[in-house]
Structures are given as C-alpha cells and as structure tokens.
C-alpha atoms as a PDB file:
ATOM      1  CA  MET A   1     -31.568  37.266 -65.219  1.00  0.00           C
ATOM      2  CA  PHE A   2     -33.472  34.818 -63.020  1.00  0.00           C
ATOM      3  CA  ILE A   3     -32.098  31.765 -61.188  1.00  0.00           C
ATOM      4  CA  ASP A   4     -34.083  28.594 -60.507  1.00  0.00           C
ATOM      5  CA  SER A   5     -32.990  27.660 -56.999  1.00  0.00           C
ATOM      6  CA  HIS A   6     -34.600  24.204 -57.042  1.00  0.00           C
ATOM      7  CA  CYS A   7     -35.363  21.785 -59.877  1.00  0.00           C
ATOM      8  CA  HIS A   8     -35.032  18.092 -60.760  1.00  0.00           C
ATOM      9  CA  LEU A   9     -33.647  17.952 -64.284  1.00  0.00           C
ATOM     10  CA  ASP A  10     -32.528  14.348 -63.795  1.00  0.00           C
ATOM     11  CA  PHE A  11     -36.144  13.158 -63.584  1.00  0.00           C
ATOM     12  CA  PRO A  12     -37.534  11.023 -66.447  1.00  0.00           C
ATOM     13  CA  GLU A  13     -39.740  13.864 -67.699  1.00  0.00           C
ATOM     14  CA  PHE A  14     -36.646  15.641 -69.028  1.00  0.00           C
ATOM     15  CA  GLN A  15     -34.536  12.810 -70.425  1.00  0.00           C
ATOM     16  CA  ALA A  16     -35.778  13.118 -74.018  1.00  0.00           C
ATOM     17  CA  ARG A  17     -35.863  16.894 -74.168  1.00  0.00           C
ATOM     18  CA  LEU A  18     -33.022  18.233 -72.041  1.00  0.00           C
ATOM     19  CA  PRO A  19     -31.451  20.327 -74.863  1.00  0.00           C
ATOM     20  CA  GLU A  20     -34.827  21.985 -75.434  1.00  0.00           C
ATOM     21  CA  VAL A  21     -35.282  22.644 -71.703  1.00  0.00           C
ATOM     22  CA  LEU A  22     -31.846  24.245 -71.432  1.00  0.00           C
ATOM     23  CA  ALA A  23     -32.514  26.364 -74.538  1.00  0.00           C
ATOM     24  CA  ASN A  24     -35.811  27.490 -73.016  1.00  0.00           C
ATOM     25  CA  MET A  25     -33.943  28.622 -69.908  1.00  0.00           C
ATOM     26  CA  LYS A  26     -31.732  30.857 -71.994  1.00  0.00           C
ATOM     27  CA  SER A  27     -34.684  32.311 -73.898  1.00  0.00           C
ATOM     28  CA  ALA A  28     -36.492  33.091 -70.633  1.00  0.00           C
ATOM     29  CA  HIS A  29     -33.403  34.830 -69.168  1.00  0.00           C
ATOM     30  CA  VAL A  30     -32.819  32.114 -66.564  1.00  0.00           C
ATOM     31  CA  SER A  31     -29.065  32.032 -66.107  1.00  0.00           C
ATOM     32  CA  HIS A  32     -28.555  29.172 -63.619  1.00  0.00           C
ATOM     33  CA  ALA A  33     -30.398  26.323 -61.923  1.00  0.00           C
ATOM     34  CA  LEU A  34     -29.732  24.108 -58.924  1.00  0.00           C
ATOM     35  CA  CYS A  35     -30.463  20.414 -59.596  1.00  0.00           C
ATOM     36  CA  VAL A  36     -31.507  18.864 -56.318  1.00  0.00           C
ATOM     37  CA  SER A  37     -30.816  15.301 -55.199  1.00  0.00           C
ATOM     38  CA  VAL A  38     -33.614  13.136 -53.773  1.00  0.00           C
ATOM     39  CA  ASP A  39     -31.910   9.753 -53.316  1.00  0.00           C
ATOM     40  CA  ILE A  40     -28.550   8.016 -53.547  1.00  0.00           C
ATOM     41  CA  PRO A  41     -29.219   5.713 -56.557  1.00  0.00           C
ATOM     42  CA  ASP A  42     -30.107   8.674 -58.783  1.00  0.00           C
ATOM     43  CA  PHE A  43     -27.524  11.080 -57.376  1.00  0.00           C
ATOM     44  CA  PRO A  44     -24.903  10.311 -60.087  1.00  0.00           C
ATOM     45  CA  ASN A  45     -27.322  11.667 -62.690  1.00  0.00           C
ATOM     46  CA  VAL A  46     -27.739  14.896 -60.724  1.00  0.00           C
ATOM     47  CA  LEU A  47     -23.988  15.286 -60.395  1.00  0.00           C
ATOM     48  CA  SER A  48     -23.310  14.585 -64.066  1.00  0.00           C
ATOM     49  CA  LEU A  49     -25.757  17.307 -65.118  1.00  0.00           C
ATOM     50  CA  ALA A  50     -23.889  19.839 -63.014  1.00  0.00           C
ATOM     51  CA  GLN A  51     -20.512  18.673 -64.247  1.00  0.00           C
ATOM     52  CA  GLU A  52     -21.532  18.741 -67.921  1.00  0.00           C
ATOM     53  CA  HIS A  53     -23.221  22.159 -67.858  1.00  0.00           C
ATOM     54  CA  PRO A  54     -21.449  25.220 -66.406  1.00  0.00           C
ATOM     55  CA  HIS A  55     -24.704  26.942 -65.491  1.00  0.00           C
ATOM     56  CA  LEU A  56     -26.085  24.015 -63.461  1.00  0.00           C
ATOM     57  CA  TYR A  57     -25.271  23.158 -59.852  1.00  0.00           C
ATOM     58  CA  ALA A  58     -26.039  20.081 -57.715  1.00  0.00           C
ATOM     59  CA  SER A  59     -26.885  19.111 -54.167  1.00  0.00           C
ATOM     60  CA  VAL A  60     -26.507  15.775 -52.392  1.00  0.00           C
ATOM     61  CA  GLY A  61     -29.122  14.306 -50.093  1.00  0.00           C
ATOM     62  CA  VAL A  62     -32.116  12.025 -49.647  1.00  0.00           C
ATOM     63  CA  HIS A  63     -35.675  13.366 -49.616  1.00  0.00           C
ATOM     64  CA  PRO A  64     -37.587  12.808 -46.351  1.00  0.00           C
ATOM     65  CA  ASP A  65     -40.478  11.160 -48.182  1.00  0.00           C
ATOM     66  CA  TYR A  66     -38.280   8.437 -49.733  1.00  0.00           C
ATOM     67  CA  GLU A  67     -38.570   5.551 -47.295  1.00  0.00           C
ATOM     68  CA  ASP A  68     -37.586   2.474 -49.306  1.00  0.00           C
ATOM     69  CA  THR A  69     -34.203   3.760 -50.430  1.00  0.00           C
ATOM     70  CA  PRO A  70     -30.604   3.438 -49.213  1.00  0.00           C
ATOM     71  CA  GLU A  71     -30.075   5.514 -46.086  1.00  0.00           C
ATOM     72  CA  PRO A  72     -27.420   8.232 -46.419  1.00  0.00           C
ATOM     73  CA  SER A  73     -24.634   8.046 -43.872  1.00  0.00           C
ATOM     74  CA  LEU A  74     -22.942  11.114 -42.500  1.00  0.00           C
ATOM     75  CA  GLU A  75     -19.669   9.907 -44.033  1.00  0.00           C
ATOM     76  CA  PHE A  76     -21.243   9.528 -47.491  1.00  0.00           C
ATOM     77  CA  LEU A  77     -22.776  12.996 -47.466  1.00  0.00           C
ATOM     78  CA  VAL A  78     -19.637  14.712 -46.192  1.00  0.00           C
ATOM     79  CA  THR A  79     -17.214  12.868 -48.463  1.00  0.00           C
ATOM     80  CA  THR A  80     -19.349  13.321 -51.562  1.00  0.00           C
ATOM     81  CA  ALA A  81     -20.009  17.005 -50.941  1.00  0.00           C
ATOM     82  CA  ASN A  82     -16.337  17.713 -50.316  1.00  0.00           C
ATOM     83  CA  GLU A  83     -15.166  15.823 -53.413  1.00  0.00           C
ATOM     84  CA  HIS A  84     -17.139  17.791 -55.994  1.00  0.00           C
ATOM     85  CA  SER A  85     -17.011  21.565 -56.386  1.00  0.00           C
ATOM     86  CA  LYS A  86     -20.347  21.677 -58.244  1.00  0.00           C
ATOM     87  CA  ILE A  87     -22.146  20.354 -55.153  1.00  0.00           C
ATOM     88  CA  ILE A  88     -23.210  23.518 -53.366  1.00  0.00           C
ATOM     89  CA  ALA A  89     -25.760  22.256 -50.827  1.00  0.00           C
ATOM     90  CA  ILE A  90     -26.927  19.383 -48.647  1.00  0.00           C
ATOM     91  CA  GLY A  91     -30.446  18.127 -49.321  1.00  0.00           C
ATOM     92  CA  GLU A  92     -33.175  18.170 -49.987  1.00  0.00           C
ATOM     93  CA  THR A  93     -33.854  17.103 -46.452  1.00  0.00           C
ATOM     94  CA  GLY A  94     -36.356  17.805 -43.729  1.00  0.00           C
ATOM     95  CA  LEU A  95     -39.622  16.259 -42.574  1.00  0.00           C
ATOM     96  CA  ASP A  96     -42.793  15.224 -44.400  1.00  0.00           C
ATOM     97  CA  TYR A  97     -45.699  13.956 -42.292  1.00  0.00           C
ATOM     98  CA  TYR A  98     -48.278  14.542 -45.031  1.00  0.00           C
ATOM     99  CA  ARG A  99     -48.562  10.870 -45.934  1.00  0.00           C
ATOM    100  CA  MET A 100     -48.191   9.568 -42.386  1.00  0.00           C
ATOM    101  CA  GLY A 101     -51.847   8.471 -42.401  1.00  0.00           C
ATOM    102  CA  GLU A 102     -52.612   6.050 -39.590  1.00  0.00           C
ATOM    103  CA  ARG A 103     -48.985   5.616 -38.646  1.00  0.00           C
ATOM    104  CA  SER A 104     -47.857   6.771 -35.227  1.00  0.00           C
ATOM    105  CA  TYR A 105     -45.624   9.746 -34.557  1.00  0.00           C
ATOM    106  CA  GLU A 106     -43.001   7.361 -33.186  1.00  0.00           C
ATOM    107  CA  SER A 107     -42.953   5.407 -36.439  1.00  0.00           C
ATOM    108  CA  MET A 108     -41.594   8.495 -38.222  1.00  0.00           C
ATOM    109  CA  GLU A 109     -38.438   8.647 -36.131  1.00  0.00           C
ATOM    110  CA  TRP A 110     -36.415   7.447 -39.145  1.00  0.00           C
ATOM    111  CA  GLN A 111     -37.254  10.726 -40.873  1.00  0.00           C
ATOM    112  CA  ARG A 112     -36.110  12.776 -37.908  1.00  0.00           C
ATOM    113  CA  GLU A 113     -32.834  10.850 -37.661  1.00  0.00           C
ATOM    114  CA  ARG A 114     -32.204  11.226 -41.409  1.00  0.00           C
ATOM    115  CA  PHE A 115     -32.843  14.943 -41.055  1.00  0.00           C
ATOM    116  CA  ARG A 116     -30.321  15.241 -38.227  1.00  0.00           C
ATOM    117  CA  THR A 117     -27.729  13.400 -40.310  1.00  0.00           C
ATOM    118  CA  HIS A 118     -28.121  15.932 -43.120  1.00  0.00           C
ATOM    119  CA  ILE A 119     -27.838  18.892 -40.767  1.00  0.00           C
ATOM    120  CA  ARG A 120     -24.646  17.449 -39.295  1.00  0.00           C
ATOM    121  CA  ALA A 121     -23.284  16.948 -42.822  1.00  0.00           C
ATOM    122  CA  ALA A 122     -24.055  20.575 -43.673  1.00  0.00           C
ATOM    123  CA  LEU A 123     -22.206  21.754 -40.585  1.00  0.00           C
ATOM    124  CA  ALA A 124     -19.247  19.486 -41.337  1.00  0.00           C
ATOM    125  CA  THR A 125     -18.955  20.610 -44.965  1.00  0.00           C
ATOM    126  CA  LYS A 126     -20.016  24.234 -44.384  1.00  0.00           C
ATOM    127  CA  LYS A 127     -22.554  23.874 -47.199  1.00  0.00           C
ATOM    128  CA  PRO A 128     -26.103  25.209 -46.717  1.00  0.00           C
ATOM    129  CA  LEU A 129     -29.194  23.072 -46.288  1.00  0.00           C
ATOM    130  CA  ILE A 130     -32.155  22.676 -48.637  1.00  0.00           C
ATOM    131  CA  ILE A 131     -35.151  22.128 -46.372  1.00  0.00           C
ATOM    132  CA  HIS A 132     -38.389  20.348 -47.319  1.00  0.00           C
ATOM    133  CA  THR A 133     -41.158  20.551 -44.726  1.00  0.00           C
ATOM    134  CA  ARG A 134     -44.760  19.448 -45.131  1.00  0.00           C
ATOM    135  CA  SER A 135     -47.245  19.043 -42.280  1.00  0.00           C
ATOM    136  CA  ALA A 136     -44.243  19.033 -39.943  1.00  0.00           C
ATOM    137  CA  SER A 137     -43.142  22.634 -39.454  1.00  0.00           C
ATOM    138  CA  GLU A 138     -43.000  22.484 -35.653  1.00  0.00           C
ATOM    139  CA  ASP A 139     -40.634  19.517 -35.612  1.00  0.00           C
ATOM    140  CA  THR A 140     -38.648  20.931 -38.543  1.00  0.00           C
ATOM    141  CA  ILE A 141     -37.926  24.178 -36.710  1.00  0.00           C
ATOM    142  CA  ARG A 142     -37.261  22.359 -33.435  1.00  0.00           C
ATOM    143  CA  ILE A 143     -34.700  19.998 -34.939  1.00  0.00           C
ATOM    144  CA  LEU A 144     -32.981  22.798 -36.873  1.00  0.00           C
ATOM    145  CA  LYS A 145     -32.560  24.647 -33.576  1.00  0.00           C
ATOM    146  CA  GLU A 146     -31.443  21.563 -31.639  1.00  0.00           C
ATOM    147  CA  GLU A 147     -28.782  20.714 -34.223  1.00  0.00           C
ATOM    148  CA  GLY A 148     -27.438  24.269 -34.483  1.00  0.00           C
ATOM    149  CA  ALA A 149     -28.477  24.782 -38.112  1.00  0.00           C
ATOM    150  CA  ASP A 150     -28.315  28.536 -37.574  1.00  0.00           C
ATOM    151  CA  ARG A 151     -24.545  28.150 -37.956  1.00  0.00           C
ATOM    152  CA  ILE A 152     -24.918  27.221 -41.634  1.00  0.00           C
ATOM    153  CA  GLY A 153     -28.387  28.306 -42.812  1.00  0.00           C
ATOM    154  CA  GLY A 154     -29.799  27.496 -46.217  1.00  0.00           C
ATOM    155  CA  VAL A 155     -33.212  27.671 -47.852  1.00  0.00           C
ATOM    156  CA  MET A 156     -36.745  26.694 -46.938  1.00  0.00           C
ATOM    157  CA  HIS A 157     -37.670  25.280 -50.330  1.00  0.00           C
ATOM    158  CA  CYS A 158     -41.133  25.480 -51.927  1.00  0.00           C
ATOM    159  CA  PHE A 159     -42.386  27.406 -48.923  1.00  0.00           C
ATOM    160  CA  THR A 160     -46.071  26.962 -48.048  1.00  0.00           C
ATOM    161  CA  GLU A 161     -46.010  27.488 -44.283  1.00  0.00           C
ATOM    162  CA  SER A 162     -47.142  30.411 -42.133  1.00  0.00           C
ATOM    163  CA  LEU A 163     -45.443  33.767 -41.730  1.00  0.00           C
ATOM    164  CA  ASP A 164     -44.468  32.737 -38.198  1.00  0.00           C
ATOM    165  CA  VAL A 165     -42.588  29.703 -39.536  1.00  0.00           C
ATOM    166  CA  ALA A 166     -40.901  31.909 -42.145  1.00  0.00           C
ATOM    167  CA  ARG A 167     -39.786  34.339 -39.461  1.00  0.00           C
ATOM    168  CA  GLN A 168     -38.387  31.552 -37.272  1.00  0.00           C
ATOM    169  CA  ALA A 169     -36.468  30.188 -40.260  1.00  0.00           C
ATOM    170  CA  MET A 170     -35.154  33.625 -41.245  1.00  0.00           C
ATOM    171  CA  ASP A 171     -34.034  34.172 -37.640  1.00  0.00           C
ATOM    172  CA  MET A 172     -31.791  31.117 -38.138  1.00  0.00           C
ATOM    173  CA  GLY A 173     -30.318  32.535 -41.340  1.00  0.00           C
ATOM    174  CA  PHE A 174     -32.521  30.717 -43.844  1.00  0.00           C
ATOM    175  CA  TYR A 175     -33.870  32.125 -47.083  1.00  0.00           C
ATOM    176  CA  ILE A 176     -37.510  31.573 -48.056  1.00  0.00           C
ATOM    177  CA  SER A 177     -38.071  30.160 -51.547  1.00  0.00           C
ATOM    178  CA  PHE A 178     -41.367  30.499 -53.380  1.00  0.00           C
ATOM    179  CA  SER A 179     -42.469  28.177 -56.179  1.00  0.00           C
ATOM    180  CA  GLY A 180     -45.291  28.277 -58.729  1.00  0.00           C
ATOM    181  CA  ILE A 181     -47.739  27.587 -55.888  1.00  0.00           C
ATOM    182  CA  VAL A 182     -47.649  31.285 -55.004  1.00  0.00           C
ATOM    183  CA  THR A 183     -49.251  32.080 -58.387  1.00  0.00           C
ATOM    184  CA  PHE A 184     -52.288  29.843 -57.763  1.00  0.00           C
ATOM    185  CA  LYS A 185     -55.635  31.573 -57.151  1.00  0.00           C
ATOM    186  CA  SER A 186     -56.144  29.352 -54.084  1.00  0.00           C
ATOM    187  CA  ALA A 187     -52.876  30.489 -52.474  1.00  0.00           C
ATOM    188  CA  LYS A 188     -54.147  33.724 -50.895  1.00  0.00           C
ATOM    189  CA  GLU A 189     -52.587  33.051 -47.479  1.00  0.00           C
ATOM    190  CA  LEU A 190     -49.240  32.185 -49.046  1.00  0.00           C
ATOM    191  CA  GLN A 191     -49.388  35.339 -51.134  1.00  0.00           C
ATOM    192  CA  GLU A 192     -49.898  37.402 -47.973  1.00  0.00           C
ATOM    193  CA  THR A 193     -46.881  35.674 -46.415  1.00  0.00           C
ATOM    194  CA  CYS A 194     -44.847  36.393 -49.546  1.00  0.00           C
ATOM    195  CA  LYS A 195     -45.668  40.089 -49.224  1.00  0.00           C
ATOM    196  CA  GLN A 196     -44.143  40.070 -45.728  1.00  0.00           C
ATOM    197  CA  VAL A 197     -40.912  38.218 -46.563  1.00  0.00           C
ATOM    198  CA  PRO A 198     -38.199  40.814 -47.265  1.00  0.00           C
ATOM    199  CA  LEU A 199     -36.699  40.773 -50.745  1.00  0.00           C
ATOM    200  CA  ASP A 200     -33.237  40.231 -49.280  1.00  0.00           C
ATOM    201  CA  ARG A 201     -34.380  36.907 -47.734  1.00  0.00           C
ATOM    202  CA  MET A 202     -36.200  35.537 -50.782  1.00  0.00           C
ATOM    203  CA  LEU A 203     -35.430  32.964 -53.480  1.00  0.00           C
ATOM    204  CA  ILE A 204     -37.571  31.683 -56.343  1.00  0.00           C
ATOM    205  CA  GLU A 205     -37.814  28.187 -57.798  1.00  0.00           C
ATOM    206  CA  THR A 206     -39.801  25.831 -59.985  1.00  0.00           C
ATOM    207  CA  ASP A 207     -39.423  22.453 -58.228  1.00  0.00           C
ATOM    208  CA  SER A 208     -39.819  21.220 -61.809  1.00  0.00           C
ATOM    209  CA  PRO A 209     -41.176  18.962 -63.185  1.00  0.00           C
ATOM    210  CA  TYR A 210     -43.842  19.757 -60.565  1.00  0.00           C
ATOM    211  CA  LEU A 211     -45.951  22.818 -59.666  1.00  0.00           C
ATOM    212  CA  ALA A 212     -45.981  24.721 -62.937  1.00  0.00           C
ATOM    213  CA  PRO A 213     -46.994  28.346 -62.330  1.00  0.00           C
ATOM    214  CA  ILE A 214     -49.913  30.157 -63.886  1.00  0.00           C
ATOM    215  CA  PRO A 215     -50.390  30.257 -66.904  1.00  0.00           C
ATOM    216  CA  TYR A 216     -48.837  26.785 -67.302  1.00  0.00           C
ATOM    217  CA  ARG A 217     -50.510  25.045 -64.367  1.00  0.00           C
ATOM    218  CA  GLY A 218     -51.084  21.353 -65.068  1.00  0.00           C
ATOM    219  CA  LYS A 219     -48.197  21.077 -67.508  1.00  0.00           C
ATOM    220  CA  THR A 220     -44.724  19.659 -66.932  1.00  0.00           C
ATOM    221  CA  ASN A 221     -42.856  22.458 -65.210  1.00  0.00           C
ATOM    222  CA  GLU A 222     -39.348  23.501 -66.278  1.00  0.00           C
ATOM    223  CA  PRO A 223     -36.695  25.997 -65.103  1.00  0.00           C
ATOM    224  CA  ALA A 224     -37.578  28.582 -67.770  1.00  0.00           C
ATOM    225  CA  TRP A 225     -40.870  29.163 -66.011  1.00  0.00           C
ATOM    226  CA  VAL A 226     -39.218  30.440 -62.836  1.00  0.00           C
ATOM    227  CA  SER A 227     -39.472  33.740 -64.699  1.00  0.00           C
ATOM    228  CA  LYS A 228     -43.265  33.542 -64.301  1.00  0.00           C
ATOM    229  CA  VAL A 229     -42.867  33.031 -60.555  1.00  0.00           C
ATOM    230  CA  GLY A 230     -40.598  36.073 -60.428  1.00  0.00           C
ATOM    231  CA  GLU A 231     -42.956  38.219 -62.482  1.00  0.00           C
ATOM    232  CA  PHE A 232     -45.910  37.314 -60.264  1.00  0.00           C
ATOM    233  CA  ILE A 233     -44.037  38.065 -57.043  1.00  0.00           C
ATOM    234  CA  ALA A 234     -42.726  41.364 -58.404  1.00  0.00           C
ATOM    235  CA  HIS A 235     -46.315  42.446 -59.089  1.00  0.00           C
ATOM    236  CA  LEU A 236     -47.434  41.123 -55.689  1.00  0.00           C
ATOM    237  CA  LYS A 237     -44.757  43.095 -53.849  1.00  0.00           C
ATOM    238  CA  GLY A 238     -45.005  46.210 -56.005  1.00  0.00           C
ATOM    239  CA  VAL A 239     -41.433  46.129 -57.313  1.00  0.00           C
ATOM    240  CA  SER A 240     -40.073  45.943 -60.842  1.00  0.00           C
ATOM    241  CA  VAL A 241     -39.384  42.558 -62.411  1.00  0.00           C
ATOM    242  CA  ASP A 242     -35.770  43.639 -62.902  1.00  0.00           C
ATOM    243  CA  GLU A 243     -35.388  44.373 -59.198  1.00  0.00           C
ATOM    244  CA  LEU A 244     -36.975  41.057 -58.212  1.00  0.00           C
ATOM    245  CA  ALA A 245     -34.705  39.151 -60.607  1.00  0.00           C
ATOM    246  CA  ARG A 246     -31.606  41.024 -59.518  1.00  0.00           C
ATOM    247  CA  LYS A 247     -32.267  40.604 -55.797  1.00  0.00           C
ATOM    248  CA  THR A 248     -33.236  36.934 -55.842  1.00  0.00           C
ATOM    249  CA  SER A 249     -30.228  36.117 -58.022  1.00  0.00           C
ATOM    250  CA  SER A 250     -27.929  37.959 -55.609  1.00  0.00           C
ATOM    251  CA  ASN A 251     -29.538  36.071 -52.724  1.00  0.00           C
ATOM    252  CA  PHE A 252     -28.852  32.770 -54.495  1.00  0.00           C
ATOM    253  CA  TYR A 253     -25.144  33.541 -54.701  1.00  0.00           C
ATOM    254  CA  GLN A 254     -25.066  34.599 -51.069  1.00  0.00           C
ATOM    255  CA  CYS A 255     -27.077  31.637 -49.784  1.00  0.00           C
ATOM    256  CA  PHE A 256     -24.937  29.073 -51.592  1.00  0.00           C
ATOM    257  CA  GLN A 257     -21.641  30.896 -51.025  1.00  0.00           C
ATOM    258  CA  LEU A 258     -20.837  31.311 -54.712  1.00  0.00           C
ATOM    259  CA  ASP A 259     -18.614  33.736 -56.532  1.00  0.00           C
ATOM    260  CA  ARG A 260     -20.982  35.238 -59.076  1.00  0.00           C
ATOM    261  CA  THR A 261     -18.096  35.961 -61.450  1.00  0.00           C
ATOM    262  CA  VAL A 262     -17.476  32.209 -61.893  1.00  0.00           C
ATOM    263  CA  ASN A 263     -19.904  29.693 -63.439  1.00  0.00           C
END
C-alpha cells in the first residue's frame, strides 16, 4: 500500500468528483493521504475532509507564496493544531523566491517571518513541519537551523533541490519527498539525487492537482497516481515496488508520529 504524503483535495478541481478520486485511491492501493493547508480561509475545508474520512489527514498552515491572505499568528497555529487530532503537521510553510522578480531581497522579509512563525508553532505543538522551498534553499536551511527545527523535523515536500540541500535537511531529521517531477524526462539531476537519498529517509507524494507523473503528465493529478511515483522510484533505485511502498509508508507513520494500527 502506498501513502500520498502531500495533496490538496480541497481544491476546486476535486469538488465535483471527490467520491471518484477516493475510489481511485483504493483501486491503486493508496491507503492514506495528507491534505495540506495553504491558507486560513480555506483551512476549514481541509479539516473537514480529514474529519469525514478516516484515511485522510490534515495540516494547518499558510503557503509562503500566498501574499494577499490573512497572516497566521503563532497562537492560531498552535491552538488549531492542538484542538484537532487529525491535524498531524504544520504547513506547508517555507520560502518561495521564484516569483520575486524585480523585488528586493528585503521586500521578502514577510515570508521569512511567516516561516519562523510556523517553525515555532511546530516546536510548540511537537508536530512536524511540511517545508516548501523554491529558489530559496540557502535561506530555508539557514532559518531551519536558526529556529532549532532539528528538534521536530518533518518533510521537504516536492523536493527539487540539490543532493547537498537534501543532506543538510536529513541531518536535521527531515524526510525527502519526491513528487511526479522525478518521473519527467527532463529531471535527470533530480533522479540522480533520488538515487542517493536512502529509502529510510524518503516519502512520496502527488502535490495533486498539480505535477501529474508520467504517463499522466498534463492531466489533473490525484492521490491514486502516487503509485506511479513509487513505481518509477523503485525502478530507479533497483528495489521492488513492494519494498518501496512498504518503506515509504513506514516512513510516513514515523515522520508524522502516527500509530499505524489506528486510522
């Protein structure tokens, strides 16, 4: 059985076909999925999915690329995470300088402060972090170290950075999660990094509705297709699909501090 460690089932793409998407998960031997929060206004939808479906979990947080949205306070994140047992992580959070354009480095300080707030919430609640980093790996690693994130760990989601960044993150107790990007023909460098990440530090994900893996690239992604990510990585690393599924599922339970005997 596979586990999708990162998806967005509350997004509009799934509203009309959620029963079908959940049925597809079962058919593809995907046992669980983590529905990840990106902002406060839509968070109730994320939480309700997790509460209504035993095999879904939720996180709470505000994406670093969402600028015109209510800012999450430390109190909100801590209180919300502690109130609901189906919330198993803080995030997604991190840094995204990809769309910075002509803006100055200083003008992105709001992102760095938001990131620090999430790390402090993770430490306060003892729930792991879901990290998004794009064109900002140096600052991401620096702030994780400065805030003592090694005391809680978490996952580097949709990983596309270098092996050096992966190693620094793993040294702080983070897992490395690969999405459908790793299946793309253009992702040779990422594939080489994937080969070097130990199985016991690896997760797999879809980030659906985005980044559908080969052979579905260009279509609306869904949690069932995390199986294709797993199959590709198993072949890449020269292990059986069963071993890849078993190990990444075990890692999911360990990363998010879950009892695998309880939904």
